[in-house]
């Protein structure tokens, strides 16, 4: 159950990071893109853990 919450939080974080990247200056876009990629990777890892635990 908690792993599903973790995935949901990672998904939401990726969403907000994408909004930050799209609405801010170039200065924030590079760092935001890196953080978005990291959030996406975490989401994939958590999804994999969820599938293997079932």
C-alpha atoms as a PDB file:
ATOM      1  CA  UNK A   1       0.000   0.000   0.000  1.00  0.00           C
ATOM      2  CA  UNK A   2       2.741   2.481   0.906  1.00  0.00           C
ATOM      3  CA  UNK A   3       4.624   1.784  -2.296  1.00  0.00           C
ATOM      4  CA  UNK A   4       1.585   2.971  -4.245  1.00  0.00           C
ATOM      5  CA  UNK A   5       1.605   6.200  -2.282  1.00  0.00           C
ATOM      6  CA  UNK A   6       5.319   6.627  -3.062  1.00  0.00           C
ATOM      7  CA  UNK A   7       4.622   6.166  -6.775  1.00  0.00           C
ATOM      8  CA  UNK A   8       1.787   8.670  -6.652  1.00  0.00           C
ATOM      9  CA  UNK A   9       4.015  11.228  -4.927  1.00  0.00           C
ATOM     10  CA  UNK A  10       6.817  10.705  -7.467  1.00  0.00           C
ATOM     11  CA  UNK A  11       4.304  11.128 -10.291  1.00  0.00           C
ATOM     12  CA  UNK A  12       2.991  14.343  -8.759  1.00  0.00           C
ATOM     13  CA  UNK A  13       6.525  15.667  -8.244  1.00  0.00           C
ATOM     14  CA  UNK A  14       7.351  15.008 -11.903  1.00  0.00           C
ATOM     15  CA  UNK A  15       4.202  16.889 -12.912  1.00  0.00           C
ATOM     16  CA  UNK A  16       5.079  19.976 -10.860  1.00  0.00           C
ATOM     17  CA  UNK A  17       8.677  19.911 -12.060  1.00  0.00           C
ATOM     18  CA  UNK A  18       7.461  19.853 -15.669  1.00  0.00           C
ATOM     19  CA  UNK A  19       5.339  22.924 -14.931  1.00  0.00           C
ATOM     20  CA  UNK A  20       8.332  24.696 -13.440  1.00  0.00           C
ATOM     21  CA  UNK A  21      10.440  23.900 -16.498  1.00  0.00           C
ATOM     22  CA  UNK A  22       7.787  25.117 -18.919  1.00  0.00           C
ATOM     23  CA  UNK A  23       6.998  28.372 -17.137  1.00  0.00           C
ATOM     24  CA  UNK A  24      10.398  29.700 -16.043  1.00  0.00           C
ATOM     25  CA  UNK A  25      13.533  31.197 -17.515  1.00  0.00           C
ATOM     26  CA  UNK A  26      16.371  29.273 -19.114  1.00  0.00           C
ATOM     27  CA  UNK A  27      18.283  29.324 -15.841  1.00  0.00           C
ATOM     28  CA  UNK A  28      15.745  26.998 -14.225  1.00  0.00           C
ATOM     29  CA  UNK A  29      15.036  24.885 -17.276  1.00  0.00           C
ATOM     30  CA  UNK A  30      18.311  22.953 -17.182  1.00  0.00           C
ATOM     31  CA  UNK A  31      18.118  22.120 -13.514  1.00  0.00           C
ATOM     32  CA  UNK A  32      14.393  21.447 -13.745  1.00  0.00           C
ATOM     33  CA  UNK A  33      14.910  19.064 -16.647  1.00  0.00           C
ATOM     34  CA  UNK A  34      17.468  17.120 -14.623  1.00  0.00           C
ATOM     35  CA  UNK A  35      15.115  16.910 -11.663  1.00  0.00           C
ATOM     36  CA  UNK A  36      12.234  15.863 -13.913  1.00  0.00           C
ATOM     37  CA  UNK A  37      14.326  13.024 -15.310  1.00  0.00           C
ATOM     38  CA  UNK A  38      15.242  11.950 -11.808  1.00  0.00           C
ATOM     39  CA  UNK A  39      11.594  11.956 -10.693  1.00  0.00           C
ATOM     40  CA  UNK A  40      10.666   9.896 -13.740  1.00  0.00           C
ATOM     41  CA  UNK A  41      13.393   7.363 -12.973  1.00  0.00           C
ATOM     42  CA  UNK A  42      12.195   7.109  -9.373  1.00  0.00           C
ATOM     43  CA  UNK A  43       8.646   6.550 -10.595  1.00  0.00           C
ATOM     44  CA  UNK A  44       9.852   3.693 -12.811  1.00  0.00           C
ATOM     45  CA  UNK A  45      11.865   2.120  -9.987  1.00  0.00           C
ATOM     46  CA  UNK A  46       8.938   2.319  -7.583  1.00  0.00           C
ATOM     47  CA  UNK A  47       6.605   0.841 -10.202  1.00  0.00           C
ATOM     48  CA  UNK A  48       9.000  -2.050 -10.688  1.00  0.00           C
ATOM     49  CA  UNK A  49       9.139  -2.695  -6.949  1.00  0.00           C
ATOM     50  CA  UNK A  50       5.356  -2.648  -6.817  1.00  0.00           C
ATOM     51  CA  UNK A  51       5.045  -5.184  -9.643  1.00  0.00           C
ATOM     52  CA  UNK A  52       7.606  -7.538  -8.093  1.00  0.00           C
ATOM     53  CA  UNK A  53       6.029  -7.400  -4.651  1.00  0.00           C
ATOM     54  CA  UNK A  54       2.633  -8.588  -5.857  1.00  0.00           C
END
